[in-house]
């Protein structure tokens, strides 16, 4: 979609790499906090971060 709207290819690659990195970090952090009460905090904060990145 981004290519159709004329965004620079390098910006698309950098944005994709950042999103993939944050996604891996988010799910890794969820796995690390699986049996603790901080799991809920990681989950809720992660949802808001990804929703916020979607609007940028």
C-alpha atoms as a PDB file:
ATOM      1  CA  UNK A   1       0.000   0.000   0.000  1.00  0.00           C
ATOM      2  CA  UNK A   2       2.766   2.417   0.885  1.00  0.00           C
ATOM      3  CA  UNK A   3       4.367   2.072  -2.522  1.00  0.00           C
ATOM      4  CA  UNK A   4       1.071   2.950  -4.183  1.00  0.00           C
ATOM      5  CA  UNK A   5       0.872   6.165  -2.158  1.00  0.00           C
ATOM      6  CA  UNK A   6       4.376   7.184  -3.196  1.00  0.00           C
ATOM      7  CA  UNK A   7       6.326   6.701   0.017  1.00  0.00           C
ATOM      8  CA  UNK A   8      10.088   6.298  -0.460  1.00  0.00           C
ATOM      9  CA  UNK A   9      11.193   2.673  -0.596  1.00  0.00           C
ATOM     10  CA  UNK A  10      13.912   3.182   2.032  1.00  0.00           C
ATOM     11  CA  UNK A  11      11.385   4.633   4.481  1.00  0.00           C
ATOM     12  CA  UNK A  12       9.145   1.609   3.936  1.00  0.00           C
ATOM     13  CA  UNK A  13      12.039  -0.783   4.600  1.00  0.00           C
ATOM     14  CA  UNK A  14      13.110   1.042   7.757  1.00  0.00           C
ATOM     15  CA  UNK A  15       9.532   1.209   9.062  1.00  0.00           C
ATOM     16  CA  UNK A  16       9.008  -2.476   8.361  1.00  0.00           C
ATOM     17  CA  UNK A  17      12.233  -3.418  10.138  1.00  0.00           C
ATOM     18  CA  UNK A  18      11.262  -1.351  13.185  1.00  0.00           C
ATOM     19  CA  UNK A  19       7.796  -2.922  13.335  1.00  0.00           C
ATOM     20  CA  UNK A  20       9.175  -6.448  13.022  1.00  0.00           C
ATOM     21  CA  UNK A  21      11.760  -5.756  15.731  1.00  0.00           C
ATOM     22  CA  UNK A  22       9.157  -4.329  18.086  1.00  0.00           C
ATOM     23  CA  UNK A  23       6.868  -7.269  17.385  1.00  0.00           C
ATOM     24  CA  UNK A  24       9.543  -9.809  18.245  1.00  0.00           C
ATOM     25  CA  UNK A  25      10.468  -7.856  21.381  1.00  0.00           C
ATOM     26  CA  UNK A  26       6.812  -7.635  22.433  1.00  0.00           C
ATOM     27  CA  UNK A  27       6.142 -11.362  22.114  1.00  0.00           C
ATOM     28  CA  UNK A  28       9.487 -12.230  23.686  1.00  0.00           C
ATOM     29  CA  UNK A  29       8.622  -9.998  26.651  1.00  0.00           C
ATOM     30  CA  UNK A  30       5.193 -11.615  26.924  1.00  0.00           C
ATOM     31  CA  UNK A  31       6.829 -15.042  27.007  1.00  0.00           C
ATOM     32  CA  UNK A  32       9.331 -13.931  29.683  1.00  0.00           C
ATOM     33  CA  UNK A  33       6.593 -12.521  31.934  1.00  0.00           C
ATOM     34  CA  UNK A  34       4.150 -15.359  31.311  1.00  0.00           C
ATOM     35  CA  UNK A  35       3.824 -16.546  34.892  1.00  0.00           C
ATOM     36  CA  UNK A  36       3.929 -13.183  36.644  1.00  0.00           C
ATOM     37  CA  UNK A  37       1.504 -10.367  37.236  1.00  0.00           C
ATOM     38  CA  UNK A  38       3.520  -8.014  35.013  1.00  0.00           C
ATOM     39  CA  UNK A  39       2.234  -9.975  31.988  1.00  0.00           C
ATOM     40  CA  UNK A  40      -0.906  -7.842  31.998  1.00  0.00           C
ATOM     41  CA  UNK A  41       1.098  -4.617  32.053  1.00  0.00           C
ATOM     42  CA  UNK A  42       3.254  -5.782  29.134  1.00  0.00           C
ATOM     43  CA  UNK A  43       0.191  -6.839  27.173  1.00  0.00           C
ATOM     44  CA  UNK A  44      -1.746  -3.597  27.692  1.00  0.00           C
ATOM     45  CA  UNK A  45       1.230  -1.302  27.084  1.00  0.00           C
ATOM     46  CA  UNK A  46       2.174  -3.280  23.981  1.00  0.00           C
ATOM     47  CA  UNK A  47      -1.315  -2.955  22.532  1.00  0.00           C
ATOM     48  CA  UNK A  48      -1.277   0.813  23.000  1.00  0.00           C
ATOM     49  CA  UNK A  49       2.228   1.098  21.510  1.00  0.00           C
ATOM     50  CA  UNK A  50       1.224  -0.802  18.381  1.00  0.00           C
ATOM     51  CA  UNK A  51      -2.010   1.149  18.054  1.00  0.00           C
ATOM     52  CA  UNK A  52      -0.025   4.366  18.386  1.00  0.00           C
ATOM     53  CA  UNK A  53       2.484   3.249  15.751  1.00  0.00           C
ATOM     54  CA  UNK A  54      -0.376   2.481  13.406  1.00  0.00           C
ATOM     55  CA  UNK A  55      -1.495   6.108  13.475  1.00  0.00           C
ATOM     56  CA  UNK A  56       1.997   7.444  12.678  1.00  0.00           C
END
